[in-house]
Each structure stands twice: as C-alpha cells, then as structure tokens.
Amino acid sequence: MPKKHKKRSPFKRSKFRKHKRTILWVASLVVILYASSFWSNHQSMKISSVDVVGNRFVESSDIEKVFFEEVSGRHFFLISKSHFLFIPKGIISKKIENKLSVESAIVRRSDINNAVVEITEYDPVAEYCSSDLDCYFVNGDGLIFVKAPEFYADVLISLEGEIEITDGESVLGKSYSEIKTFRKLLEKIELLEIEKIEINKISTVDFETFVLYTVGGPTILIEETDIPKETIDNLKAAITQESINDVQFNNIDYIDLRFEDKVFYKLK
C-alpha cells in the first residue's frame, strides 16, 4: 500500500517561510555591510592629502596631524572616516579650533582624495613671554593663542604677570586675564592713544591692579574694576587742571588712577 505523505499545516508553512525570510534578510544585511565597509576603505575613495590655507602662525603640519588623527578610525566600526563622503568635518573643525587656538577652521573636500582646511587666525594685539623666555601672541580677548615667530614686523604691547600653570604645562591656550578685564585694558589704551599717550607694556602682580607703561613717560596705575572712560577722563581733567605740558608729563614718575574722582602723581 503506498505511503501517504502528511500535509504540513498552514501554521508550520508560514513559520518556515518567516524563518527563511529572516535568514535571507540577515544574510543580505551582512553582505551589504561587508561591501560598504570594503568600499569605504578602498584607497581610491579615501582622503589622502590635505591643503591648509589661511594660516600665518600655526604650522600646517600641526593642522594636518589633527586632521588625520580624526579620520583614522571608522564610523560604527564599519565605515572608514577617511572616505571622502564620510569625513567628520564638524568634529575636525572643532578639534583644530580648540587644540590649536585658531579663530575658525572650515573643512571641505576639493576632490575624492583631497581635503582643504581653511584657517582664520586671531590677530595678535600683545605679546606674553613666559619664565622660560618663550614668547607667545595674545588676542583681543587675552587668549595666549600661538608661539610667536622669531621675527614679526608689528610692534605689540608687552604683557607681564605670573600665569598659574602646573609643572611642565605651557601657557599656550591660557588667558592672560579675564576676558572682560583684558578688553577694558585695551579700551583704556585706545583712549590714552587719543590723548597722544602711548602704552608699550602692561604688568600686574595680582591681576587686580595693573601698571601701564607709557613710552618715555610715567607709569599709570589702574584697577581691574575701573570704568575706562571715567578713568581716562579723570586723567585728562588732572592734566588740564595742573597745566601739565608734554615735558612736565614725561618728568612724572607715576600716576595713580585707582581712586574715584581723584588723581595722584609723583614727580621723578
């Protein structure tokens, strides 16, 4: 008697088809991920060179180093970060700005294998020399942003004062003072320049009282809390009231502007 085959129930057939679809879907996904990983890591698709433009003080090699450090890995352990479509531009820009203290860094690709980093650097307004005699440029917010080159054409204000750092730490990336304080110092210097009084150095011991050194004249003592315009107006009023001419001004040892509505000075 012929053997009868048992028919599979609809439920079992449906379950088998479901497992089959799952296996096919997983296998397809593995193939796609592997292909994507292989494709993204192919040398012809990777950024292999970087052009740095706009930098005046920061070394191009330092910028390139940060760039290639950030593209050395993979996204989600699969996609190469150096693939021209997947380079982490925003992360690279922020890393360059923070690590190298530049005002801005814009990363873009010029072709499949080449990227461009456009750098905007701070303009130096002052120079700070540390105890080891290394000198650095300082921007308008008081940030010590780059090591000064050996030769620089513009004459900058010299800054003196002990900045707290740990052993072996550099002052690079530190601030000379609070941003508000430094901006007020620069405002006072600009107001003094209008009065034909030129400042070439600022020094401090406690970062509360500052000494401004005039070119060929007296030193001027000011406070961190001073209001720039009121302070310089007090000086102008004193010079007018005392009828101090240029020669007499240069014979003054120091001028103390730390007291509200009062000006004290001492002759040499």
Protein backbone atom coordinates (compact mmCIF):
# COMPACT_ATOMS: atom_id res chain seq x y z
CA MET A 1 0.00 0.00 0.00
CA PRO A 2 1.54 3.38 -1.00
CA LYS A 3 2.80 5.52 1.87
CA LYS A 4 0.76 8.66 2.40
CA HIS A 5 2.61 11.91 2.98
CA LYS A 6 1.39 14.05 5.78
CA LYS A 7 0.49 17.55 4.75
CA ARG A 8 2.14 20.41 6.62
CA SER A 9 -0.24 22.57 8.47
CA PRO A 10 -0.64 26.17 7.21
CA PHE A 11 0.81 27.36 10.51
CA LYS A 12 4.04 25.37 10.05
CA ARG A 13 4.44 26.50 6.44
CA SER A 14 4.01 30.12 7.48
CA LYS A 15 6.58 29.71 10.27
CA PHE A 16 9.09 28.14 7.86
CA ARG A 17 8.67 30.96 5.34
CA LYS A 18 9.13 33.51 8.10
CA HIS A 19 12.40 31.92 9.25
CA LYS A 20 13.56 31.72 5.65
CA ARG A 21 12.88 35.43 5.08
CA THR A 22 14.72 36.33 8.30
CA ILE A 23 17.77 34.29 7.28
CA LEU A 24 17.79 35.88 3.82
CA TRP A 25 17.39 39.37 5.32
CA VAL A 26 20.25 38.86 7.79
CA ALA A 27 22.47 37.36 5.08
CA SER A 28 21.71 40.32 2.77
CA LEU A 29 22.44 42.79 5.56
CA VAL A 30 25.79 41.12 6.31
CA VAL A 31 26.72 41.25 2.62
CA ILE A 32 25.69 44.92 2.35
CA LEU A 33 27.63 45.90 5.49
CA TYR A 34 30.71 43.99 4.38
CA ALA A 35 30.51 45.54 0.91
CA SER A 36 30.05 49.02 2.40
CA SER A 37 33.00 48.53 4.72
CA PHE A 38 35.18 47.27 1.88
CA TRP A 39 34.02 50.07 -0.43
CA SER A 40 34.57 52.83 2.15
CA ASN A 41 38.08 51.55 2.92
CA HIS A 42 39.21 51.35 -0.69
CA GLN A 43 42.25 53.55 -1.25
CA SER A 44 40.72 55.25 -4.27
CA MET A 45 37.86 56.55 -2.10
CA LYS A 46 39.92 57.84 0.83
CA ILE A 47 41.22 61.35 1.58
CA SER A 48 44.97 61.01 1.36
CA SER A 49 46.17 64.64 1.30
CA VAL A 50 45.22 67.96 2.90
CA ASP A 51 45.82 71.52 1.75
CA VAL A 52 45.95 74.09 4.53
CA VAL A 53 45.19 77.71 3.58
CA GLY A 54 44.97 80.96 5.54
CA ASN A 55 47.36 80.09 8.37
CA ARG A 56 50.03 82.64 9.29
CA PHE A 57 51.35 81.38 12.62
CA VAL A 58 50.11 77.81 13.18
CA GLU A 59 52.18 75.20 11.35
CA SER A 60 50.42 73.38 8.51
CA SER A 61 51.91 70.11 9.77
CA ASP A 62 50.12 70.56 13.13
CA ILE A 63 46.79 71.08 11.37
CA GLU A 64 47.36 68.04 9.13
CA LYS A 65 48.22 65.94 12.18
CA VAL A 66 44.90 66.78 13.86
CA PHE A 67 43.02 66.10 10.60
CA PHE A 68 44.47 62.62 10.07
CA GLU A 69 44.07 61.71 13.74
CA GLU A 70 40.33 62.35 13.41
CA VAL A 71 39.92 60.32 10.18
CA SER A 72 41.96 57.33 11.32
CA GLY A 73 39.04 55.28 12.67
CA ARG A 74 35.66 54.03 11.48
CA HIS A 75 32.06 55.09 11.96
CA PHE A 76 30.26 52.34 13.94
CA PHE A 77 33.30 50.07 13.37
CA LEU A 78 32.31 49.76 9.70
CA ILE A 79 32.60 52.88 7.55
CA SER A 80 36.03 54.44 7.18
CA LYS A 81 36.14 58.03 8.45
CA SER A 82 38.64 58.87 5.73
CA HIS A 83 36.14 58.07 2.96
CA PHE A 84 35.54 61.29 1.05
CA LEU A 85 31.77 61.16 1.76
CA PHE A 86 32.07 60.45 5.47
CA ILE A 87 34.90 62.62 6.84
CA PRO A 88 33.70 64.16 10.16
CA LYS A 89 34.09 67.79 9.11
CA GLY A 90 32.46 69.37 12.15
CA ILE A 91 34.47 67.32 14.64
CA ILE A 92 37.73 68.08 12.82
CA SER A 93 36.96 71.81 12.74
CA LYS A 94 36.20 71.95 16.48
CA LYS A 95 39.30 69.91 17.34
CA ILE A 96 41.56 72.25 15.33
CA GLU A 97 39.94 75.35 16.85
CA ASN A 98 40.26 74.07 20.42
CA LYS A 99 43.62 72.31 20.23
CA LEU A 100 45.46 74.89 18.12
CA SER A 101 43.58 78.00 19.34
CA VAL A 102 42.57 79.36 15.94
CA GLU A 103 39.53 81.57 15.46
CA SER A 104 37.88 79.23 12.95
CA ALA A 105 38.62 76.17 10.82
CA ILE A 106 36.46 75.10 7.86
CA VAL A 107 36.96 71.63 6.37
CA ARG A 108 35.81 70.85 2.85
CA ARG A 109 36.79 68.36 0.17
CA SER A 110 38.25 69.54 -3.12
CA ASP A 111 38.11 66.13 -4.80
CA ILE A 112 37.81 62.44 -3.91
CA ASN A 113 41.32 62.18 -2.46
CA ASN A 114 41.98 65.72 -1.26
CA ALA A 115 40.58 67.94 1.50
CA VAL A 116 41.09 71.64 2.21
CA VAL A 117 41.27 73.20 5.67
CA GLU A 118 40.62 76.97 5.65
CA ILE A 119 42.08 78.63 8.72
CA THR A 120 41.23 82.03 10.18
CA GLU A 121 43.67 83.00 12.90
CA TYR A 122 43.38 85.62 15.62
CA ASP A 123 45.09 88.96 15.17
CA PRO A 124 47.73 89.48 17.85
CA VAL A 125 47.42 92.62 19.96
CA ALA A 126 50.05 91.81 22.57
CA GLU A 127 52.95 89.51 23.37
CA TYR A 128 53.50 87.50 26.54
CA CYS A 129 56.86 85.98 27.42
CA SER A 130 56.91 83.17 29.99
CA SER A 131 59.61 82.50 32.57
CA ASP A 132 61.40 80.13 30.17
CA LEU A 133 61.72 83.08 27.74
CA ASP A 134 59.35 81.59 25.17
CA CYS A 135 57.11 84.32 23.77
CA TYR A 136 53.51 84.00 22.64
CA PHE A 137 50.92 86.12 20.85
CA VAL A 138 47.80 87.26 22.72
CA ASN A 139 44.50 88.09 21.01
CA GLY A 140 41.92 90.77 21.81
CA ASP A 141 40.27 88.60 24.49
CA GLY A 142 43.53 87.94 26.32
CA LEU A 143 43.91 84.40 24.94
CA ILE A 144 47.52 83.23 24.51
CA PHE A 145 46.97 81.54 21.18
CA VAL A 146 50.26 80.76 19.43
CA LYS A 147 54.01 80.80 19.90
CA ALA A 148 55.45 84.00 18.48
CA PRO A 149 57.74 83.71 15.45
CA GLU A 150 61.31 84.90 15.73
CA PHE A 151 60.61 87.95 13.59
CA TYR A 152 57.37 89.93 13.46
CA ALA A 153 57.05 93.34 11.85
CA ASP A 154 54.31 94.90 14.00
CA VAL A 155 55.11 96.38 17.41
CA LEU A 156 52.93 94.76 20.09
CA ILE A 157 52.20 95.59 23.71
CA SER A 158 54.32 93.53 26.09
CA LEU A 159 52.49 91.74 28.91
CA GLU A 160 53.99 90.76 32.26
CA GLY A 161 52.43 88.79 35.10
CA GLU A 162 52.70 85.30 36.57
CA ILE A 163 50.11 82.99 35.00
CA GLU A 164 49.37 79.92 37.12
CA ILE A 165 50.34 76.67 35.39
CA THR A 166 51.36 73.23 36.63
CA ASP A 167 54.85 71.79 36.22
CA GLY A 168 55.59 71.06 32.57
CA GLU A 169 52.41 72.83 31.40
CA SER A 170 52.57 75.51 28.71
CA VAL A 171 50.81 78.88 28.89
CA LEU A 172 49.59 78.23 25.33
CA GLY A 173 45.79 78.21 25.35
CA LYS A 174 45.65 80.04 28.71
CA SER A 175 44.26 83.55 29.22
CA TYR A 176 46.31 86.47 30.48
CA SER A 177 43.29 87.67 32.49
CA GLU A 178 39.51 87.53 32.46
CA ILE A 179 38.11 88.46 29.05
CA LYS A 180 36.19 91.45 30.45
CA THR A 181 39.28 92.71 32.27
CA PHE A 182 41.50 92.44 29.20
CA ARG A 183 39.01 94.19 26.95
CA LYS A 184 38.81 97.06 29.46
CA LEU A 185 42.61 97.30 29.46
CA LEU A 186 42.62 97.61 25.67
CA GLU A 187 39.84 100.22 25.80
CA LYS A 188 41.86 102.33 28.23
CA ILE A 189 44.91 102.07 25.99
CA GLU A 190 42.87 103.21 22.98
CA LEU A 191 41.52 106.19 24.94
CA LEU A 192 45.06 107.09 26.03
CA GLU A 193 46.27 106.93 22.43
CA ILE A 194 43.64 109.54 21.52
CA GLU A 195 45.33 111.77 24.10
CA LYS A 196 48.72 111.05 22.46
CA ILE A 197 49.80 108.83 25.35
CA GLU A 198 51.30 105.60 24.01
CA ILE A 199 51.45 102.40 26.07
CA ASN A 200 54.06 99.74 25.32
CA LYS A 201 53.77 97.43 28.35
CA ILE A 202 51.26 96.15 30.92
CA SER A 203 52.29 94.42 34.13
CA THR A 204 50.49 93.06 37.18
CA VAL A 205 51.17 91.05 40.30
CA ASP A 206 47.65 90.17 41.46
CA PHE A 207 45.62 90.73 38.25
CA GLU A 208 43.58 93.33 40.13
CA THR A 209 45.95 96.29 39.91
CA PHE A 210 47.62 96.85 36.55
CA VAL A 211 50.53 99.10 35.63
CA LEU A 212 50.55 100.73 32.20
CA TYR A 213 53.97 101.83 30.95
CA THR A 214 53.95 104.92 28.77
CA VAL A 215 56.64 105.48 26.13
CA GLY A 216 59.15 107.91 27.65
CA GLY A 217 56.79 108.97 30.42
CA PRO A 218 55.28 107.84 33.71
CA THR A 219 53.72 104.55 34.65
CA ILE A 220 49.94 104.62 35.19
CA LEU A 221 48.26 102.57 37.93
CA ILE A 222 44.72 101.36 37.25
CA GLU A 223 42.27 98.91 38.82
CA GLU A 224 40.54 95.93 37.25
CA THR A 225 37.17 97.41 38.30
CA ASP A 226 37.79 100.84 36.74
CA ILE A 227 35.39 102.17 34.12
CA PRO A 228 37.67 103.02 31.16
CA LYS A 229 36.12 106.31 30.03
CA GLU A 230 35.70 107.70 33.55
CA THR A 231 39.28 106.75 34.45
CA ILE A 232 40.82 108.45 31.41
CA ASP A 233 38.53 111.46 31.79
CA ASN A 234 39.88 111.87 35.33
CA LEU A 235 43.42 111.83 33.94
CA LYS A 236 42.56 114.42 31.27
CA ALA A 237 40.95 116.66 33.88
CA ALA A 238 44.01 116.44 36.13
CA ILE A 239 46.40 117.26 33.28
CA THR A 240 44.29 120.29 32.32
CA GLN A 241 43.83 121.48 35.91
CA GLU A 242 47.53 121.18 36.73
CA SER A 243 48.52 122.68 33.34
CA ILE A 244 50.87 119.79 32.70
CA ASN A 245 52.58 120.06 29.34
CA ASP A 246 54.37 117.26 27.45
CA VAL A 247 57.76 117.94 29.05
CA GLN A 248 56.30 118.01 32.55
CA PHE A 249 54.30 114.88 31.84
CA ASN A 250 57.48 112.99 30.96
CA ASN A 251 59.03 114.10 34.26
CA ILE A 252 56.29 112.39 36.27
CA ASP A 253 57.32 109.09 37.89
CA TYR A 254 53.86 107.57 38.20
CA ILE A 255 50.17 108.48 38.04
CA ASP A 256 47.68 106.66 40.27
CA LEU A 257 44.15 106.46 38.82
CA ARG A 258 42.80 103.85 41.24
CA PHE A 259 40.75 106.28 43.31
CA GLU A 260 37.38 107.53 42.08
CA ASP A 261 37.41 111.19 41.01
CA LYS A 262 40.97 111.62 42.33
CA VAL A 263 44.34 111.51 40.60
CA PHE A 264 47.62 111.19 42.47
CA TYR A 265 51.02 111.58 40.85
CA LYS A 266 54.65 111.75 41.90
CA LEU A 267 57.44 113.61 40.15
CA LYS A 268 60.75 111.92 39.38
